[in-house]
């Protein structure tokens, strides 16, 4: 019997939550800017929180189910 394709529990949305966090706030902002440049309107910063340890940015990236499954698949070295 063939196996069923994996299913994603995305809660009815086609997005993933990202957290960028580091002691270097400029590096975190640069990473968020690079993702925005790469993904455009599909990427959005939801929140920023500064702490003694640095900066934490929470963001959302809209993806298709196929993209999300590909990202979770084991890599083939070759």
PDB file of N, CA and C in Angstrom:
ATOM      1  N   UNK A   1       0.858  -1.171   0.000  1.00  0.00           N
ATOM      2  CA  UNK A   1       0.000   0.000   0.000  1.00  0.00           C
ATOM      3  C   UNK A   1       0.906   1.237   0.000  1.00  0.00           C
ATOM      4  N   UNK A   2       0.675   2.211  -0.891  1.00  0.00           N
ATOM      5  CA  UNK A   2       1.516   3.418  -0.920  1.00  0.00           C
ATOM      6  C   UNK A   2       1.279   4.278   0.313  1.00  0.00           C
ATOM      7  N   UNK A   3       2.339   4.946   0.716  1.00  0.00           N
ATOM      8  CA  UNK A   3       2.246   5.843   1.870  1.00  0.00           C
ATOM      9  C   UNK A   3       1.577   7.144   1.469  1.00  0.00           C
ATOM     10  N   UNK A   4       0.799   7.703   2.376  1.00  0.00           N
ATOM     11  CA  UNK A   4       0.161   8.999   2.125  1.00  0.00           C
ATOM     12  C   UNK A   4       1.217  10.096   2.177  1.00  0.00           C
ATOM     13  N   UNK A   5       1.016  11.104   1.366  1.00  0.00           N
ATOM     14  CA  UNK A   5       1.942  12.245   1.364  1.00  0.00           C
ATOM     15  C   UNK A   5       1.874  12.946   2.704  1.00  0.00           C
ATOM     16  N   UNK A   6       3.011  13.469   3.187  1.00  0.00           N
ATOM     17  CA  UNK A   6       2.974  14.192   4.468  1.00  0.00           C
ATOM     18  C   UNK A   6       2.081  15.414   4.379  1.00  0.00           C
ATOM     19  N   UNK A   7       1.420  15.717   5.460  1.00  0.00           N
ATOM     20  CA  UNK A   7       0.544  16.885   5.508  1.00  0.00           C
ATOM     21  C   UNK A   7       1.089  17.886   6.495  1.00  0.00           C
ATOM     22  N   UNK A   8       0.898  19.148   6.182  1.00  0.00           N
ATOM     23  CA  UNK A   8       1.358  20.218   7.046  1.00  0.00           C
ATOM     24  C   UNK A   8       0.230  20.716   7.926  1.00  0.00           C
ATOM     25  N   UNK A   9       0.538  20.984   9.167  1.00  0.00           N
ATOM     26  CA  UNK A   9      -0.436  21.576  10.082  1.00  0.00           C
ATOM     27  C   UNK A   9      -0.156  23.072  10.143  1.00  0.00           C
ATOM     28  N   UNK A  10      -0.621  23.792   9.154  1.00  0.00           N
ATOM     29  CA  UNK A  10      -0.366  25.223   9.091  1.00  0.00           C
ATOM     30  C   UNK A  10      -1.539  26.043   9.611  1.00  0.00           C
ATOM     31  N   UNK A  11      -2.499  25.408  10.174  1.00  0.00           N
ATOM     32  CA  UNK A  11      -3.613  26.129  10.780  1.00  0.00           C
ATOM     33  C   UNK A  11      -4.429  26.932   9.787  1.00  0.00           C
ATOM     34  N   UNK A  12      -4.533  26.438   8.550  1.00  0.00           N
ATOM     35  CA  UNK A  12      -5.343  27.127   7.558  1.00  0.00           C
ATOM     36  C   UNK A  12      -4.622  28.247   6.841  1.00  0.00           C
ATOM     37  N   UNK A  13      -3.418  28.558   7.253  1.00  0.00           N
ATOM     38  CA  UNK A  13      -2.639  29.577   6.562  1.00  0.00           C
ATOM     39  C   UNK A  13      -1.470  28.907   5.870  1.00  0.00           C
ATOM     40  N   UNK A  14      -0.919  29.587   4.927  1.00  0.00           N
ATOM     41  CA  UNK A  14       0.240  29.065   4.216  1.00  0.00           C
ATOM     42  C   UNK A  14       1.462  29.878   4.596  1.00  0.00           C
ATOM     43  N   UNK A  15       1.818  29.831   5.850  1.00  0.00           N
ATOM     44  CA  UNK A  15       2.962  30.608   6.304  1.00  0.00           C
ATOM     45  C   UNK A  15       3.702  29.928   7.416  1.00  0.00           C
ATOM     46  N   UNK A  16       4.917  30.401   7.627  1.00  0.00           N
ATOM     47  CA  UNK A  16       5.728  29.915   8.725  1.00  0.00           C
ATOM     48  C   UNK A  16       6.193  31.111   9.551  1.00  0.00           C
ATOM     49  N   UNK A  17       6.428  30.874  10.820  1.00  0.00           N
ATOM     50  CA  UNK A  17       6.903  31.925  11.710  1.00  0.00           C
ATOM     51  C   UNK A  17       8.413  31.802  11.834  1.00  0.00           C
ATOM     52  N   UNK A  18       9.093  32.911  11.723  1.00  0.00           N
ATOM     53  CA  UNK A  18      10.543  32.944  11.838  1.00  0.00           C
ATOM     54  C   UNK A  18      10.926  33.798  13.035  1.00  0.00           C
ATOM     55  N   UNK A  19      11.972  33.407  13.736  1.00  0.00           N
ATOM     56  CA  UNK A  19      12.519  34.211  14.818  1.00  0.00           C
ATOM     57  C   UNK A  19      13.994  34.413  14.527  1.00  0.00           C
ATOM     58  N   UNK A  20      14.386  35.674  14.424  1.00  0.00           N
ATOM     59  CA  UNK A  20      15.789  36.043  14.240  1.00  0.00           C
ATOM     60  C   UNK A  20      16.240  36.685  15.541  1.00  0.00           C
ATOM     61  N   UNK A  21      17.308  36.162  16.135  1.00  0.00           N
ATOM     62  CA  UNK A  21      17.729  36.666  17.438  1.00  0.00           C
ATOM     63  C   UNK A  21      19.245  36.593  17.553  1.00  0.00           C
ATOM     64  N   UNK A  22      19.851  37.684  18.017  1.00  0.00           N
ATOM     65  CA  UNK A  22      21.292  37.719  18.240  1.00  0.00           C
ATOM     66  C   UNK A  22      21.649  38.906  19.118  1.00  0.00           C
ATOM     67  N   UNK A  23      22.848  38.870  19.646  1.00  0.00           N
ATOM     68  CA  UNK A  23      23.341  39.963  20.461  1.00  0.00           C
ATOM     69  C   UNK A  23      23.648  41.206  19.648  1.00  0.00           C
ATOM     70  N   UNK A  24      23.932  41.023  18.369  1.00  0.00           N
ATOM     71  CA  UNK A  24      24.241  42.136  17.471  1.00  0.00           C
ATOM     72  C   UNK A  24      22.956  42.575  16.763  1.00  0.00           C
ATOM     73  N   UNK A  25      22.359  43.664  17.247  1.00  0.00           N
ATOM     74  CA  UNK A  25      21.088  44.134  16.686  1.00  0.00           C
ATOM     75  C   UNK A  25      21.210  44.462  15.202  1.00  0.00           C
ATOM     76  N   UNK A  26      22.356  45.010  14.785  1.00  0.00           N
ATOM     77  CA  UNK A  26      22.545  45.349  13.371  1.00  0.00           C
ATOM     78  C   UNK A  26      22.533  44.101  12.495  1.00  0.00           C
ATOM     79  N   UNK A  27      23.095  43.009  13.004  1.00  0.00           N
ATOM     80  CA  UNK A  27      23.091  41.758  12.248  1.00  0.00           C
ATOM     81  C   UNK A  27      21.675  41.208  12.098  1.00  0.00           C
ATOM     82  N   UNK A  28      20.884  41.320  13.141  1.00  0.00           N
ATOM     83  CA  UNK A  28      19.494  40.851  13.083  1.00  0.00           C
ATOM     84  C   UNK A  28      18.704  41.688  12.075  1.00  0.00           C
ATOM     85  N   UNK A  29      18.875  42.997  12.122  1.00  0.00           N
ATOM     86  CA  UNK A  29      18.180  43.874  11.174  1.00  0.00           C
ATOM     87  C   UNK A  29      18.631  43.596   9.736  1.00  0.00           C
ATOM     88  N   UNK A  30      19.937  43.330   9.551  1.00  0.00           N
ATOM     89  CA  UNK A  30      20.449  43.023   8.212  1.00  0.00           C
ATOM     90  C   UNK A  30      19.859  41.716   7.689  1.00  0.00           C
ATOM     91  N   UNK A  31      19.735  40.720   8.567  1.00  0.00           N
ATOM     92  CA  UNK A  31      19.137  39.447   8.164  1.00  0.00           C
ATOM     93  C   UNK A  31      17.677  39.640   7.764  1.00  0.00           C
ATOM     94  N   UNK A  32      16.937  40.427   8.539  1.00  0.00           N
ATOM     95  CA  UNK A  32      15.531  40.698   8.212  1.00  0.00           C
ATOM     96  C   UNK A  32      15.428  41.450   6.886  1.00  0.00           C
ATOM     97  N   UNK A  33      16.326  42.409   6.653  1.00  0.00           N
ATOM     98  CA  UNK A  33      16.314  43.165   5.394  1.00  0.00           C
ATOM     99  C   UNK A  33      16.644  42.261   4.214  1.00  0.00           C
ATOM    100  N   UNK A  34      17.571  41.325   4.401  1.00  0.00           N
ATOM    101  CA  UNK A  34      17.921  40.393   3.326  1.00  0.00           C
ATOM    102  C   UNK A  34      16.748  39.484   2.979  1.00  0.00           C
ATOM    103  N   UNK A  35      16.040  39.016   4.011  1.00  0.00           N
ATOM    104  CA  UNK A  35      14.852  38.188   3.750  1.00  0.00           C
ATOM    105  C   UNK A  35      13.764  38.988   3.043  1.00  0.00           C
ATOM    106  N   UNK A  36      13.576  40.237   3.436  1.00  0.00           N
ATOM    107  CA  UNK A  36      12.580  41.097   2.777  1.00  0.00           C
ATOM    108  C   UNK A  36      12.957  41.309   1.316  1.00  0.00           C
ATOM    109  N   UNK A  37      14.255  41.541   1.043  1.00  0.00           N
ATOM    110  CA  UNK A  37      14.708  41.734  -0.337  1.00  0.00           C
ATOM    111  C   UNK A  37      14.521  40.459  -1.161  1.00  0.00           C
ATOM    112  N   UNK A  38      14.744  39.317  -0.540  1.00  0.00           N
ATOM    113  CA  UNK A  38      14.641  38.035  -1.252  1.00  0.00           C
ATOM    114  C   UNK A  38      13.190  37.637  -1.507  1.00  0.00           C
ATOM    115  N   UNK A  39      12.317  37.826  -0.505  1.00  0.00           N
ATOM    116  CA  UNK A  39      10.947  37.324  -0.601  1.00  0.00           C
ATOM    117  C   UNK A  39       9.903  38.404  -0.821  1.00  0.00           C
ATOM    118  N   UNK A  40      10.254  39.664  -0.724  1.00  0.00           N
ATOM    119  CA  UNK A  40       9.322  40.758  -0.984  1.00  0.00           C
ATOM    120  C   UNK A  40       8.124  40.740  -0.057  1.00  0.00           C
ATOM    121  N   UNK A  41       6.947  40.881  -0.646  1.00  0.00           N
ATOM    122  CA  UNK A  41       5.711  40.963   0.138  1.00  0.00           C
ATOM    123  C   UNK A  41       5.376  39.664   0.867  1.00  0.00           C
ATOM    124  N   UNK A  42       6.036  38.568   0.509  1.00  0.00           N
ATOM    125  CA  UNK A  42       5.787  37.296   1.189  1.00  0.00           C
ATOM    126  C   UNK A  42       6.391  37.271   2.592  1.00  0.00           C
ATOM    127  N   UNK A  43       7.312  38.207   2.885  1.00  0.00           N
ATOM    128  CA  UNK A  43       7.981  38.268   4.174  1.00  0.00           C
ATOM    129  C   UNK A  43       7.547  39.523   4.910  1.00  0.00           C
ATOM    130  N   UNK A  44       7.181  39.381   6.172  1.00  0.00           N
ATOM    131  CA  UNK A  44       6.764  40.545   6.960  1.00  0.00           C
ATOM    132  C   UNK A  44       7.246  40.406   8.394  1.00  0.00           C
ATOM    133  N   UNK A  45       7.827  41.473   8.913  1.00  0.00           N
ATOM    134  CA  UNK A  45       8.228  41.511  10.317  1.00  0.00           C
ATOM    135  C   UNK A  45       6.973  41.768  11.141  1.00  0.00           C
ATOM    136  N   UNK A  46       6.757  40.932  12.140  1.00  0.00           N
ATOM    137  CA  UNK A  46       5.580  41.040  12.997  1.00  0.00           C
ATOM    138  C   UNK A  46       5.906  41.811  14.263  1.00  0.00           C
ATOM    139  N   UNK A  47       7.114  41.619  14.787  1.00  0.00           N
ATOM    140  CA  UNK A  47       7.460  42.302  16.031  1.00  0.00           C
ATOM    141  C   UNK A  47       8.952  42.354  16.259  1.00  0.00           C
ATOM    142  N   UNK A  48       9.358  43.324  17.067  1.00  0.00           N
ATOM    143  CA  UNK A  48      10.749  43.478  17.475  1.00  0.00           C
ATOM    144  C   UNK A  48      10.778  43.625  18.984  1.00  0.00           C
ATOM    145  N   UNK A  49      11.762  42.990  19.618  1.00  0.00           N
ATOM    146  CA  UNK A  49      11.906  43.125  21.059  1.00  0.00           C
ATOM    147  C   UNK A  49      13.387  43.286  21.387  1.00  0.00           C
ATOM    148  N   UNK A  50      13.704  44.389  22.034  1.00  0.00           N
ATOM    149  CA  UNK A  50      15.086  44.631  22.467  1.00  0.00           C
ATOM    150  C   UNK A  50      15.249  44.151  23.904  1.00  0.00           C
ATOM    151  N   UNK A  51      16.413  43.587  24.153  1.00  0.00           N
ATOM    152  CA  UNK A  51      16.743  43.127  25.504  1.00  0.00           C
ATOM    153  C   UNK A  51      18.235  43.346  25.714  1.00  0.00           C
ATOM    154  N   UNK A  52      18.681  43.113  26.929  1.00  0.00           N
ATOM    155  CA  UNK A  52      20.111  43.252  27.201  1.00  0.00           C
ATOM    156  C   UNK A  52      20.929  42.317  26.322  1.00  0.00           C
ATOM    157  N   UNK A  53      20.343  41.174  25.992  1.00  0.00           N
ATOM    158  CA  UNK A  53      21.044  40.171  25.190  1.00  0.00           C
ATOM    159  C   UNK A  53      21.059  40.512  23.700  1.00  0.00           C
ATOM    160  N   UNK A  54      20.363  41.552  23.266  1.00  0.00           N
ATOM    161  CA  UNK A  54      20.355  41.909  21.852  1.00  0.00           C
ATOM    162  C   UNK A  54      18.964  42.197  21.327  1.00  0.00           C
ATOM    163  N   UNK A  55      18.705  41.712  20.139  1.00  0.00           N
ATOM    164  CA  UNK A  55      17.439  41.984  19.462  1.00  0.00           C
ATOM    165  C   UNK A  55      16.805  40.688  19.001  1.00  0.00           C
ATOM    166  N   UNK A  56      15.491  40.605  19.162  1.00  0.00           N
ATOM    167  CA  UNK A  56      14.712  39.460  18.681  1.00  0.00           C
ATOM    168  C   UNK A  56      13.659  39.994  17.733  1.00  0.00           C
ATOM    169  N   UNK A  57      13.655  39.496  16.498  1.00  0.00           N
ATOM    170  CA  UNK A  57      12.673  39.880  15.485  1.00  0.00           C
ATOM    171  C   UNK A  57      11.825  38.659  15.171  1.00  0.00           C
ATOM    172  N   UNK A  58      10.524  38.813  15.240  1.00  0.00           N
ATOM    173  CA  UNK A  58       9.594  37.762  14.855  1.00  0.00           C
ATOM    174  C   UNK A  58       8.994  38.160  13.515  1.00  0.00           C
ATOM    175  N   UNK A  59       8.919  37.190  12.600  1.00  0.00           N
ATOM    176  CA  UNK A  59       8.441  37.492  11.250  1.00  0.00           C
ATOM    177  C   UNK A  59       7.607  36.334  10.724  1.00  0.00           C
ATOM    178  N   UNK A  60       6.943  36.581   9.609  1.00  0.00           N
ATOM    179  CA  UNK A  60       6.128  35.580   8.933  1.00  0.00           C
ATOM    180  C   UNK A  60       6.571  35.499   7.478  1.00  0.00           C
ATOM    181  N   UNK A  61       6.638  34.287   6.959  1.00  0.00           N
ATOM    182  CA  UNK A  61       6.967  34.074   5.552  1.00  0.00           C
ATOM    183  C   UNK A  61       5.867  33.225   4.940  1.00  0.00           C
ATOM    184  N   UNK A  62       5.228  33.751   3.935  1.00  0.00           N
ATOM    185  CA  UNK A  62       4.172  33.017   3.241  1.00  0.00           C
ATOM    186  C   UNK A  62       4.805  32.022   2.285  1.00  0.00           C
ATOM    187  N   UNK A  63       4.434  30.750   2.399  1.00  0.00           N
ATOM    188  CA  UNK A  63       4.984  29.695   1.553  1.00  0.00           C
ATOM    189  C   UNK A  63       3.866  28.783   1.079  1.00  0.00           C
ATOM    190  N   UNK A  64       4.121  28.108  -0.023  1.00  0.00           N
ATOM    191  CA  UNK A  64       3.171  27.099  -0.486  1.00  0.00           C
ATOM    192  C   UNK A  64       3.446  25.807   0.272  1.00  0.00           C
ATOM    193  N   UNK A  65       2.516  24.899   0.239  1.00  0.00           N
ATOM    194  CA  UNK A  65       2.708  23.617   0.914  1.00  0.00           C
ATOM    195  C   UNK A  65       3.893  22.873   0.312  1.00  0.00           C
ATOM    196  N   UNK A  66       4.082  22.956  -0.996  1.00  0.00           N
ATOM    197  CA  UNK A  66       5.206  22.284  -1.642  1.00  0.00           C
ATOM    198  C   UNK A  66       6.535  22.849  -1.162  1.00  0.00           C
ATOM    199  N   UNK A  67       6.630  24.168  -1.021  1.00  0.00           N
ATOM    200  CA  UNK A  67       7.863  24.793  -0.530  1.00  0.00           C
ATOM    201  C   UNK A  67       8.164  24.352   0.894  1.00  0.00           C
ATOM    202  N   UNK A  68       7.153  24.292   1.718  1.00  0.00           N
ATOM    203  CA  UNK A  68       7.345  23.896   3.112  1.00  0.00           C
ATOM    204  C   UNK A  68       7.782  22.436   3.204  1.00  0.00           C
ATOM    205  N   UNK A  69       7.198  21.571   2.386  1.00  0.00           N
ATOM    206  CA  UNK A  69       7.593  20.165   2.385  1.00  0.00           C
ATOM    207  C   UNK A  69       9.027  20.018   1.890  1.00  0.00           C
ATOM    208  N   UNK A  70       9.401  20.774   0.856  1.00  0.00           N
ATOM    209  CA  UNK A  70      10.770  20.718   0.336  1.00  0.00           C
ATOM    210  C   UNK A  70      11.766  21.169   1.386  1.00  0.00           C
ATOM    211  N   UNK A  71      11.426  22.181   2.147  1.00  0.00           N
ATOM    212  CA  UNK A  71      12.332  22.694   3.175  1.00  0.00           C
ATOM    213  C   UNK A  71      12.543  21.671   4.285  1.00  0.00           C
ATOM    214  N   UNK A  72      11.552  20.842   4.545  1.00  0.00           N
ATOM    215  CA  UNK A  72      11.656  19.857   5.611  1.00  0.00           C
ATOM    216  C   UNK A  72      12.222  18.523   5.172  1.00  0.00           C
ATOM    217  N   UNK A  73      12.443  18.363   3.863  1.00  0.00           N
ATOM    218  CA  UNK A  73      12.957  17.095   3.343  1.00  0.00           C
ATOM    219  C   UNK A  73      14.449  16.952   3.640  1.00  0.00           C
ATOM    220  N   UNK A  74      14.905  15.718   3.853  1.00  0.00           N
ATOM    221  CA  UNK A  74      16.341  15.522   4.070  1.00  0.00           C
ATOM    222  C   UNK A  74      17.132  15.917   2.821  1.00  0.00           C
ATOM    223  N   UNK A  75      18.292  16.507   3.053  1.00  0.00           N
ATOM    224  CA  UNK A  75      19.145  16.920   1.932  1.00  0.00           C
ATOM    225  C   UNK A  75      19.891  15.723   1.379  1.00  0.00           C
ATOM    226  N   UNK A  76      20.083  15.737   0.074  1.00  0.00           N
ATOM    227  CA  UNK A  76      20.888  14.698  -0.569  1.00  0.00           C
ATOM    228  C   UNK A  76      22.234  15.299  -0.899  1.00  0.00           C
ATOM    229  N   UNK A  77      23.287  14.704  -0.376  1.00  0.00           N
ATOM    230  CA  UNK A  77      24.636  15.157  -0.700  1.00  0.00           C
ATOM    231  C   UNK A  77      25.039  14.548  -2.037  1.00  0.00           C
ATOM    232  N   UNK A  78      25.692  15.370  -2.844  1.00  0.00           N
ATOM    233  CA  UNK A  78      26.060  14.782  -4.134  1.00  0.00           C
ATOM    234  C   UNK A  78      26.839  15.641  -4.938  1.00  0.00           C
TER     235      UNK A  78
END
